[in-house]
Amino acid sequence: MRAALSSGAALERFRRMVARQGGDPRIVEDGGRLPAARQVERIDATAGGVVAAVDAERIGVAAMLPGAGRETAGAAIDPAAGVGTGRRSW
């Protein structure tokens, strides 16, 4: 795993996966090409610490409501909707 990450092979594999699914592989070099949400709600921690537990199902349902997931197989997905850290790592 470390070799694949450090050599760039993992990133190249990701690039190919994006392309094969119909996405723009240039997002790997330019995250600004990703769609942006029209509205962002930022929630900051009020104190330092660590997250001890999360309710992944509730987070998933909350993300689904604005369009980040599907309630039914034919439902549309909004590629700009989602839940994240607010940071792009690439």
PDB file of N, CA and C in Angstrom:
ATOM      1  N   MET A   1       0.818  -1.172   0.000  1.00  0.00           N
ATOM      2  CA  MET A   1       0.000   0.000   0.000  1.00  0.00           C
ATOM      3  C   MET A   1       0.872   1.249   0.000  1.00  0.00           C
ATOM      4  N   ARG A   2       1.858   1.278   0.845  1.00  0.00           N
ATOM      5  CA  ARG A   2       2.740   2.460   0.888  1.00  0.00           C
ATOM      6  C   ARG A   2       3.438   2.670  -0.443  1.00  0.00           C
ATOM      7  N   ALA A   3       3.863   1.571  -1.065  1.00  0.00           N
ATOM      8  CA  ALA A   3       4.535   1.685  -2.360  1.00  0.00           C
ATOM      9  C   ALA A   3       3.591   2.231  -3.420  1.00  0.00           C
ATOM     10  N   ALA A   4       2.339   1.758  -3.417  1.00  0.00           N
ATOM     11  CA  ALA A   4       1.352   2.235  -4.401  1.00  0.00           C
ATOM     12  C   ALA A   4       1.054   3.716  -4.189  1.00  0.00           C
ATOM     13  N   LEU A   5       0.996   4.138  -2.944  1.00  0.00           N
ATOM     14  CA  LEU A   5       0.751   5.548  -2.660  1.00  0.00           C
ATOM     15  C   LEU A   5       1.949   6.412  -3.023  1.00  0.00           C
ATOM     16  N   SER A   6       3.122   6.001  -2.607  1.00  0.00           N
ATOM     17  CA  SER A   6       4.309   6.834  -2.841  1.00  0.00           C
ATOM     18  C   SER A   6       4.730   6.859  -4.305  1.00  0.00           C
ATOM     19  N   SER A   7       4.457   5.806  -5.043  1.00  0.00           N
ATOM     20  CA  SER A   7       4.853   5.768  -6.457  1.00  0.00           C
ATOM     21  C   SER A   7       3.870   6.505  -7.361  1.00  0.00           C
ATOM     22  N   GLY A   8       2.679   6.784  -6.836  1.00  0.00           N
ATOM     23  CA  GLY A   8       1.649   7.415  -7.659  1.00  0.00           C
ATOM     24  C   GLY A   8       0.737   6.406  -8.335  1.00  0.00           C
ATOM     25  N   ALA A   9       0.993   5.114  -8.161  1.00  0.00           N
ATOM     26  CA  ALA A   9       0.167   4.084  -8.802  1.00  0.00           C
ATOM     27  C   ALA A   9      -1.273   4.126  -8.286  1.00  0.00           C
ATOM     28  N   ALA A  10      -1.456   4.373  -6.998  1.00  0.00           N
ATOM     29  CA  ALA A  10      -2.805   4.430  -6.443  1.00  0.00           C
ATOM     30  C   ALA A  10      -3.580   5.616  -7.021  1.00  0.00           C
ATOM     31  N   LEU A  11      -2.909   6.736  -7.172  1.00  0.00           N
ATOM     32  CA  LEU A  11      -3.559   7.910  -7.738  1.00  0.00           C
ATOM     33  C   LEU A  11      -3.935   7.670  -9.200  1.00  0.00           C
ATOM     34  N   GLU A  12      -3.062   7.016  -9.934  1.00  0.00           N
ATOM     35  CA  GLU A  12      -3.367   6.684 -11.327  1.00  0.00           C
ATOM     36  C   GLU A  12      -4.543   5.722 -11.411  1.00  0.00           C
ATOM     37  N   ARG A  13      -4.623   4.764 -10.509  1.00  0.00           N
ATOM     38  CA  ARG A  13      -5.754   3.840 -10.491  1.00  0.00           C
ATOM     39  C   ARG A  13      -7.042   4.596 -10.207  1.00  0.00           C
ATOM     40  N   PHE A  14      -6.989   5.533  -9.261  1.00  0.00           N
ATOM     41  CA  PHE A  14      -8.163   6.344  -8.952  1.00  0.00           C
ATOM     42  C   PHE A  14      -8.588   7.153 -10.180  1.00  0.00           C
ATOM     43  N   ARG A  15      -7.619   7.741 -10.848  1.00  0.00           N
ATOM     44  CA  ARG A  15      -7.896   8.519 -12.056  1.00  0.00           C
ATOM     45  C   ARG A  15      -8.628   7.659 -13.090  1.00  0.00           C
ATOM     46  N   ARG A  16      -8.163   6.427 -13.292  1.00  0.00           N
ATOM     47  CA  ARG A  16      -8.809   5.517 -14.254  1.00  0.00           C
ATOM     48  C   ARG A  16     -10.208   5.127 -13.797  1.00  0.00           C
ATOM     49  N   MET A  17     -10.394   4.919 -12.489  1.00  0.00           N
ATOM     50  CA  MET A  17     -11.721   4.574 -11.970  1.00  0.00           C
ATOM     51  C   MET A  17     -12.711   5.706 -12.240  1.00  0.00           C
ATOM     52  N   VAL A  18     -12.280   6.934 -12.012  1.00  0.00           N
ATOM     53  CA  VAL A  18     -13.148   8.091 -12.255  1.00  0.00           C
ATOM     54  C   VAL A  18     -13.532   8.134 -13.728  1.00  0.00           C
ATOM     55  N   ALA A  19     -12.561   7.964 -14.613  1.00  0.00           N
ATOM     56  CA  ALA A  19     -12.820   8.020 -16.052  1.00  0.00           C
ATOM     57  C   ALA A  19     -13.763   6.901 -16.489  1.00  0.00           C
ATOM     58  N   ARG A  20     -13.564   5.697 -15.998  1.00  0.00           N
ATOM     59  CA  ARG A  20     -14.414   4.568 -16.391  1.00  0.00           C
ATOM     60  C   ARG A  20     -15.852   4.715 -15.916  1.00  0.00           C
ATOM     61  N   GLN A  21     -16.062   5.531 -14.889  1.00  0.00           N
ATOM     62  CA  GLN A  21     -17.420   5.768 -14.404  1.00  0.00           C
ATOM     63  C   GLN A  21     -18.027   7.024 -15.017  1.00  0.00           C
ATOM     64  N   GLY A  22     -17.355   7.572 -16.020  1.00  0.00           N
ATOM     65  CA  GLY A  22     -17.886   8.728 -16.736  1.00  0.00           C
ATOM     66  C   GLY A  22     -17.518  10.064 -16.143  1.00  0.00           C
ATOM     67  N   GLY A  23     -16.655  10.068 -15.143  1.00  0.00           N
ATOM     68  CA  GLY A  23     -16.240  11.327 -14.518  1.00  0.00           C
ATOM     69  C   GLY A  23     -15.056  11.947 -15.230  1.00  0.00           C
ATOM     70  N   ASP A  24     -14.722  13.135 -14.829  1.00  0.00           N
ATOM     71  CA  ASP A  24     -13.592  13.868 -15.393  1.00  0.00           C
ATOM     72  C   ASP A  24     -12.343  13.553 -14.569  1.00  0.00           C
ATOM     73  N   PRO A  25     -11.408  12.785 -15.112  1.00  0.00           N
ATOM     74  CA  PRO A  25     -10.223  12.411 -14.337  1.00  0.00           C
ATOM     75  C   PRO A  25      -9.317  13.593 -13.995  1.00  0.00           C
ATOM     76  N   ARG A  26      -9.566  14.742 -14.613  1.00  0.00           N
ATOM     77  CA  ARG A  26      -8.745  15.925 -14.304  1.00  0.00           C
ATOM     78  C   ARG A  26      -9.013  16.455 -12.905  1.00  0.00           C
ATOM     79  N   ILE A  27     -10.063  15.964 -12.240  1.00  0.00           N
ATOM     80  CA  ILE A  27     -10.329  16.412 -10.870  1.00  0.00           C
ATOM     81  C   ILE A  27      -9.208  16.011  -9.925  1.00  0.00           C
ATOM     82  N   VAL A  28      -8.432  14.999 -10.317  1.00  0.00           N
ATOM     83  CA  VAL A  28      -7.320  14.548  -9.470  1.00  0.00           C
ATOM     84  C   VAL A  28      -6.298  15.675  -9.316  1.00  0.00           C
ATOM     85  N   GLU A  29      -6.031  16.389 -10.393  1.00  0.00           N
ATOM     86  CA  GLU A  29      -5.080  17.495 -10.333  1.00  0.00           C
ATOM     87  C   GLU A  29      -5.749  18.817  -9.989  1.00  0.00           C
ATOM     88  N   ASP A  30      -7.044  18.932 -10.267  1.00  0.00           N
ATOM     89  CA  ASP A  30      -7.740  20.201 -10.088  1.00  0.00           C
ATOM     90  C   ASP A  30      -9.091  19.968  -9.435  1.00  0.00           C
ATOM     91  N   GLY A  31      -9.112  19.944  -8.109  1.00  0.00           N
ATOM     92  CA  GLY A  31     -10.348  19.725  -7.371  1.00  0.00           C
ATOM     93  C   GLY A  31     -11.376  20.815  -7.608  1.00  0.00           C
ATOM     94  N   GLY A  32     -10.973  21.952  -8.142  1.00  0.00           N
ATOM     95  CA  GLY A  32     -11.900  23.021  -8.463  1.00  0.00           C
ATOM     96  C   GLY A  32     -12.855  22.649  -9.579  1.00  0.00           C
ATOM     97  N   ARG A  33     -12.570  21.567 -10.293  1.00  0.00           N
ATOM     98  CA  ARG A  33     -13.462  21.096 -11.351  1.00  0.00           C
ATOM     99  C   ARG A  33     -14.687  20.367 -10.782  1.00  0.00           C
ATOM    100  N   LEU A  34     -14.633  20.009  -9.506  1.00  0.00           N
ATOM    101  CA  LEU A  34     -15.769  19.331  -8.883  1.00  0.00           C
ATOM    102  C   LEU A  34     -16.917  20.313  -8.710  1.00  0.00           C
ATOM    103  N   PRO A  35     -18.153  19.826  -8.799  1.00  0.00           N
ATOM    104  CA  PRO A  35     -19.285  20.732  -8.583  1.00  0.00           C
ATOM    105  C   PRO A  35     -19.279  21.251  -7.155  1.00  0.00           C
ATOM    106  N   ALA A  36     -19.724  22.477  -7.006  1.00  0.00           N
ATOM    107  CA  ALA A  36     -19.762  23.099  -5.677  1.00  0.00           C
ATOM    108  C   ALA A  36     -21.201  23.254  -5.216  1.00  0.00           C
ATOM    109  N   ALA A  37     -21.420  23.053  -3.950  1.00  0.00           N
ATOM    110  CA  ALA A  37     -22.755  23.228  -3.374  1.00  0.00           C
ATOM    111  C   ALA A  37     -23.141  24.703  -3.398  1.00  0.00           C
ATOM    112  N   ARG A  38     -24.426  24.952  -3.631  1.00  0.00           N
ATOM    113  CA  ARG A  38     -24.919  26.338  -3.610  1.00  0.00           C
ATOM    114  C   ARG A  38     -24.970  26.869  -2.185  1.00  0.00           C
ATOM    115  N   GLN A  39     -25.208  25.986  -1.241  1.00  0.00           N
ATOM    116  CA  GLN A  39     -25.302  26.380   0.160  1.00  0.00           C
ATOM    117  C   GLN A  39     -24.441  25.438   0.981  1.00  0.00           C
ATOM    118  N   VAL A  40     -23.689  25.984   1.910  1.00  0.00           N
ATOM    119  CA  VAL A  40     -22.826  25.193   2.778  1.00  0.00           C
ATOM    120  C   VAL A  40     -23.140  25.546   4.224  1.00  0.00           C
ATOM    121  N   GLU A  41     -23.319  24.547   5.038  1.00  0.00           N
ATOM    122  CA  GLU A  41     -23.553  24.755   6.464  1.00  0.00           C
ATOM    123  C   GLU A  41     -22.332  24.238   7.204  1.00  0.00           C
ATOM    124  N   ARG A  42     -21.595  25.122   7.792  1.00  0.00           N
ATOM    125  CA  ARG A  42     -20.385  24.747   8.511  1.00  0.00           C
ATOM    126  C   ARG A  42     -20.700  24.636  10.001  1.00  0.00           C
ATOM    127  N   ILE A  43     -20.224  23.551  10.589  1.00  0.00           N
ATOM    128  CA  ILE A  43     -20.423  23.339  12.023  1.00  0.00           C
ATOM    129  C   ILE A  43     -19.045  23.158  12.644  1.00  0.00           C
ATOM    130  N   ASP A  44     -18.636  24.102  13.461  1.00  0.00           N
ATOM    131  CA  ASP A  44     -17.321  24.055  14.092  1.00  0.00           C
ATOM    132  C   ASP A  44     -17.418  23.475  15.494  1.00  0.00           C
ATOM    133  N   ALA A  45     -16.375  22.792  15.896  1.00  0.00           N
ATOM    134  CA  ALA A  45     -16.302  22.262  17.260  1.00  0.00           C
ATOM    135  C   ALA A  45     -16.207  23.429  18.236  1.00  0.00           C
ATOM    136  N   THR A  46     -16.843  23.279  19.359  1.00  0.00           N
ATOM    137  CA  THR A  46     -16.786  24.328  20.384  1.00  0.00           C
ATOM    138  C   THR A  46     -15.629  24.107  21.359  1.00  0.00           C
ATOM    139  N   ALA A  47     -14.996  22.929  21.272  1.00  0.00           N
ATOM    140  CA  ALA A  47     -13.868  22.620  22.144  1.00  0.00           C
ATOM    141  C   ALA A  47     -12.998  21.563  21.461  1.00  0.00           C
ATOM    142  N   GLY A  48     -11.763  21.460  21.889  1.00  0.00           N
ATOM    143  CA  GLY A  48     -10.869  20.452  21.350  1.00  0.00           C
ATOM    144  C   GLY A  48     -11.251  19.066  21.834  1.00  0.00           C
ATOM    145  N   GLY A  49     -10.767  18.050  21.154  1.00  0.00           N
ATOM    146  CA  GLY A  49     -11.063  16.685  21.572  1.00  0.00           C
ATOM    147  C   GLY A  49     -11.037  15.733  20.398  1.00  0.00           C
ATOM    148  N   VAL A  50     -11.591  14.563  20.593  1.00  0.00           N
ATOM    149  CA  VAL A  50     -11.657  13.550  19.546  1.00  0.00           C
ATOM    150  C   VAL A  50     -13.093  13.052  19.428  1.00  0.00           C
ATOM    151  N   VAL A  51     -13.441  12.576  18.258  1.00  0.00           N
ATOM    152  CA  VAL A  51     -14.762  11.991  18.052  1.00  0.00           C
ATOM    153  C   VAL A  51     -14.706  10.557  18.556  1.00  0.00           C
ATOM    154  N   ALA A  52     -15.543  10.236  19.515  1.00  0.00           N
ATOM    155  CA  ALA A  52     -15.541   8.904  20.104  1.00  0.00           C
ATOM    156  C   ALA A  52     -16.490   7.957  19.369  1.00  0.00           C
ATOM    157  N   ALA A  53     -17.555   8.498  18.753  1.00  0.00           N
ATOM    158  CA  ALA A  53     -18.522   7.656  18.057  1.00  0.00           C
ATOM    159  C   ALA A  53     -19.341   8.515  17.109  1.00  0.00           C
ATOM    160  N   VAL A  54     -19.842   7.903  16.053  1.00  0.00           N
ATOM    161  CA  VAL A  54     -20.751   8.579  15.134  1.00  0.00           C
ATOM    162  C   VAL A  54     -21.878   7.616  14.782  1.00  0.00           C
ATOM    163  N   ASP A  55     -23.011   8.163  14.436  1.00  0.00           N
ATOM    164  CA  ASP A  55     -24.131   7.358  13.966  1.00  0.00           C
ATOM    165  C   ASP A  55     -24.136   7.477  12.448  1.00  0.00           C
ATOM    166  N   ALA A  56     -23.445   6.565  11.774  1.00  0.00           N
ATOM    167  CA  ALA A  56     -23.251   6.629  10.331  1.00  0.00           C
ATOM    168  C   ALA A  56     -24.577   6.594   9.569  1.00  0.00           C
ATOM    169  N   GLU A  57     -25.552   5.856  10.071  1.00  0.00           N
ATOM    170  CA  GLU A  57     -26.845   5.796   9.376  1.00  0.00           C
ATOM    171  C   GLU A  57     -27.534   7.159   9.398  1.00  0.00           C
ATOM    172  N   ARG A  58     -27.513   7.824  10.514  1.00  0.00           N
ATOM    173  CA  ARG A  58     -28.148   9.149  10.601  1.00  0.00           C
ATOM    174  C   ARG A  58     -27.416  10.159   9.719  1.00  0.00           C
ATOM    175  N   ILE A  59     -26.106  10.075   9.679  1.00  0.00           N
ATOM    176  CA  ILE A  59     -25.336  10.973   8.812  1.00  0.00           C
ATOM    177  C   ILE A  59     -25.671  10.678   7.354  1.00  0.00           C
ATOM    178  N   GLY A  60     -25.774   9.406   7.004  1.00  0.00           N
ATOM    179  CA  GLY A  60     -26.121   9.024   5.641  1.00  0.00           C
ATOM    180  C   GLY A  60     -27.488   9.516   5.225  1.00  0.00           C
ATOM    181  N   VAL A  61     -28.464   9.388   6.102  1.00  0.00           N
ATOM    182  CA  VAL A  61     -29.817   9.873   5.810  1.00  0.00           C
ATOM    183  C   VAL A  61     -29.806  11.397   5.672  1.00  0.00           C
ATOM    184  N   ALA A  62     -29.088  12.071   6.560  1.00  0.00           N
ATOM    185  CA  ALA A  62     -28.999  13.530   6.487  1.00  0.00           C
ATOM    186  C   ALA A  62     -28.351  13.969   5.176  1.00  0.00           C
ATOM    187  N   ALA A  63     -27.362  13.239   4.697  1.00  0.00           N
ATOM    188  CA  ALA A  63     -26.709  13.570   3.428  1.00  0.00           C
ATOM    189  C   ALA A  63     -27.615  13.252   2.246  1.00  0.00           C
ATOM    190  N   MET A  64     -28.444  12.233   2.378  1.00  0.00           N
ATOM    191  CA  MET A  64     -29.341  11.835   1.295  1.00  0.00           C
ATOM    192  C   MET A  64     -30.402  12.901   1.026  1.00  0.00           C
ATOM    193  N   LEU A  65     -30.888  13.545   2.063  1.00  0.00           N
ATOM    194  CA  LEU A  65     -31.995  14.493   1.921  1.00  0.00           C
ATOM    195  C   LEU A  65     -31.707  15.614   0.915  1.00  0.00           C
ATOM    196  N   PRO A  66     -30.522  16.238   0.916  1.00  0.00           N
ATOM    197  CA  PRO A  66     -30.269  17.272  -0.094  1.00  0.00           C
ATOM    198  C   PRO A  66     -29.783  16.707  -1.435  1.00  0.00           C
ATOM    199  N   GLY A  67     -29.703  15.373  -1.550  1.00  0.00           N
ATOM    200  CA  GLY A  67     -29.365  14.791  -2.844  1.00  0.00           C
ATOM    201  C   GLY A  67     -28.061  14.038  -2.941  1.00  0.00           C
ATOM    202  N   ALA A  68     -27.368  13.796  -1.822  1.00  0.00           N
ATOM    203  CA  ALA A  68     -26.078  13.101  -1.870  1.00  0.00           C
ATOM    204  C   ALA A  68     -26.226  11.595  -2.010  1.00  0.00           C
ATOM    205  N   GLY A  69     -27.429  11.079  -1.893  1.00  0.00           N
ATOM    206  CA  GLY A  69     -27.660   9.650  -2.031  1.00  0.00           C
ATOM    207  C   GLY A  69     -29.060   9.390  -2.547  1.00  0.00           C
ATOM    208  N   ARG A  70     -29.365   8.138  -2.769  1.00  0.00           N
ATOM    209  CA  ARG A  70     -30.658   7.762  -3.331  1.00  0.00           C
ATOM    210  C   ARG A  70     -31.524   7.044  -2.311  1.00  0.00           C
ATOM    211  N   GLU A  71     -32.770   7.450  -2.227  1.00  0.00           N
ATOM    212  CA  GLU A  71     -33.731   6.705  -1.412  1.00  0.00           C
ATOM    213  C   GLU A  71     -34.292   5.545  -2.230  1.00  0.00           C
ATOM    214  N   THR A  72     -34.398   5.753  -3.547  1.00  0.00           N
ATOM    215  CA  THR A  72     -34.849   4.706  -4.463  1.00  0.00           C
ATOM    216  C   THR A  72     -33.836   4.594  -5.599  1.00  0.00           C
ATOM    217  N   ALA A  73     -33.833   3.446  -6.278  1.00  0.00           N
ATOM    218  CA  ALA A  73     -32.830   3.183  -7.310  1.00  0.00           C
ATOM    219  C   ALA A  73     -32.827   4.211  -8.430  1.00  0.00           C
ATOM    220  N   GLY A  74     -33.971   4.753  -8.798  1.00  0.00           N
ATOM    221  CA  GLY A  74     -34.024   5.683  -9.914  1.00  0.00           C
ATOM    222  C   GLY A  74     -33.854   7.141  -9.546  1.00  0.00           C
ATOM    223  N   ALA A  75     -33.701   7.439  -8.276  1.00  0.00           N
ATOM    224  CA  ALA A  75     -33.598   8.827  -7.831  1.00  0.00           C
ATOM    225  C   ALA A  75     -32.298   9.466  -8.324  1.00  0.00           C
ATOM    226  N   ALA A  76     -32.375  10.759  -8.576  1.00  0.00           N
ATOM    227  CA  ALA A  76     -31.191  11.504  -9.034  1.00  0.00           C
ATOM    228  C   ALA A  76     -30.258  11.785  -7.863  1.00  0.00           C
ATOM    229  N   ILE A  77     -28.978  11.936  -8.181  1.00  0.00           N
ATOM    230  CA  ILE A  77     -27.969  12.310  -7.193  1.00  0.00           C
ATOM    231  C   ILE A  77     -27.413  13.677  -7.572  1.00  0.00           C
ATOM    232  N   ASP A  78     -27.263  14.544  -6.598  1.00  0.00           N
ATOM    233  CA  ASP A  78     -26.651  15.850  -6.807  1.00  0.00           C
ATOM    234  C   ASP A  78     -25.171  15.705  -6.459  1.00  0.00           C
ATOM    235  N   PRO A  79     -24.282  15.755  -7.458  1.00  0.00           N
ATOM    236  CA  PRO A  79     -22.858  15.548  -7.168  1.00  0.00           C
ATOM    237  C   PRO A  79     -22.227  16.635  -6.303  1.00  0.00           C
ATOM    238  N   ALA A  80     -22.920  17.742  -6.099  1.00  0.00           N
ATOM    239  CA  ALA A  80     -22.395  18.804  -5.240  1.00  0.00           C
ATOM    240  C   ALA A  80     -22.833  18.642  -3.789  1.00  0.00           C
ATOM    241  N   ALA A  81     -23.781  17.751  -3.526  1.00  0.00           N
ATOM    242  CA  ALA A  81     -24.285  17.570  -2.163  1.00  0.00           C
ATOM    243  C   ALA A  81     -23.425  16.549  -1.421  1.00  0.00           C
ATOM    244  N   GLY A  82     -23.328  16.698  -0.116  1.00  0.00           N
ATOM    245  CA  GLY A  82     -22.588  15.713   0.656  1.00  0.00           C
ATOM    246  C   GLY A  82     -22.205  16.205   2.031  1.00  0.00           C
ATOM    247  N   VAL A  83     -21.424  15.385   2.710  1.00  0.00           N
ATOM    248  CA  VAL A  83     -20.931  15.672   4.048  1.00  0.00           C
ATOM    249  C   VAL A  83     -19.424  15.508   3.996  1.00  0.00           C
ATOM    250  N   GLY A  84     -18.706  16.443   4.561  1.00  0.00           N
ATOM    251  CA  GLY A  84     -17.251  16.323   4.516  1.00  0.00           C
ATOM    252  C   GLY A  84     -16.581  17.179   5.550  1.00  0.00           C
ATOM    253  N   THR A  85     -15.273  17.195   5.475  1.00  0.00           N
ATOM    254  CA  THR A  85     -14.485  17.966   6.424  1.00  0.00           C
ATOM    255  C   THR A  85     -14.335  19.410   6.012  1.00  0.00           C
ATOM    256  N   GLY A  86     -14.695  19.713   4.777  1.00  0.00           N
ATOM    257  CA  GLY A  86     -14.516  21.077   4.278  1.00  0.00           C
ATOM    258  C   GLY A  86     -13.130  21.298   3.732  1.00  0.00           C
ATOM    259  N   ARG A  87     -12.300  20.277   3.765  1.00  0.00           N
ATOM    260  CA  ARG A  87     -10.939  20.378   3.222  1.00  0.00           C
ATOM    261  C   ARG A  87     -10.798  19.441   2.035  1.00  0.00           C
ATOM    262  N   ARG A  88     -10.104  19.874   1.032  1.00  0.00           N
ATOM    263  CA  ARG A  88      -9.771  18.993  -0.083  1.00  0.00           C
ATOM    264  C   ARG A  88      -8.313  18.605   0.078  1.00  0.00           C
ATOM    265  N   SER A  89      -8.076  17.306   0.021  1.00  0.00           N
ATOM    266  CA  SER A  89      -6.719  16.832   0.295  1.00  0.00           C
ATOM    267  C   SER A  89      -5.854  16.776  -0.950  1.00  0.00           C
ATOM    268  N   TRP A  90      -6.413  17.079  -2.110  1.00  0.00           N
ATOM    269  CA  TRP A  90      -5.560  17.054  -3.289  1.00  0.00           C
ATOM    270  C   TRP A  90      -5.450  18.415  -3.793  1.00  0.00           C
TER     271      TRP A  90
END
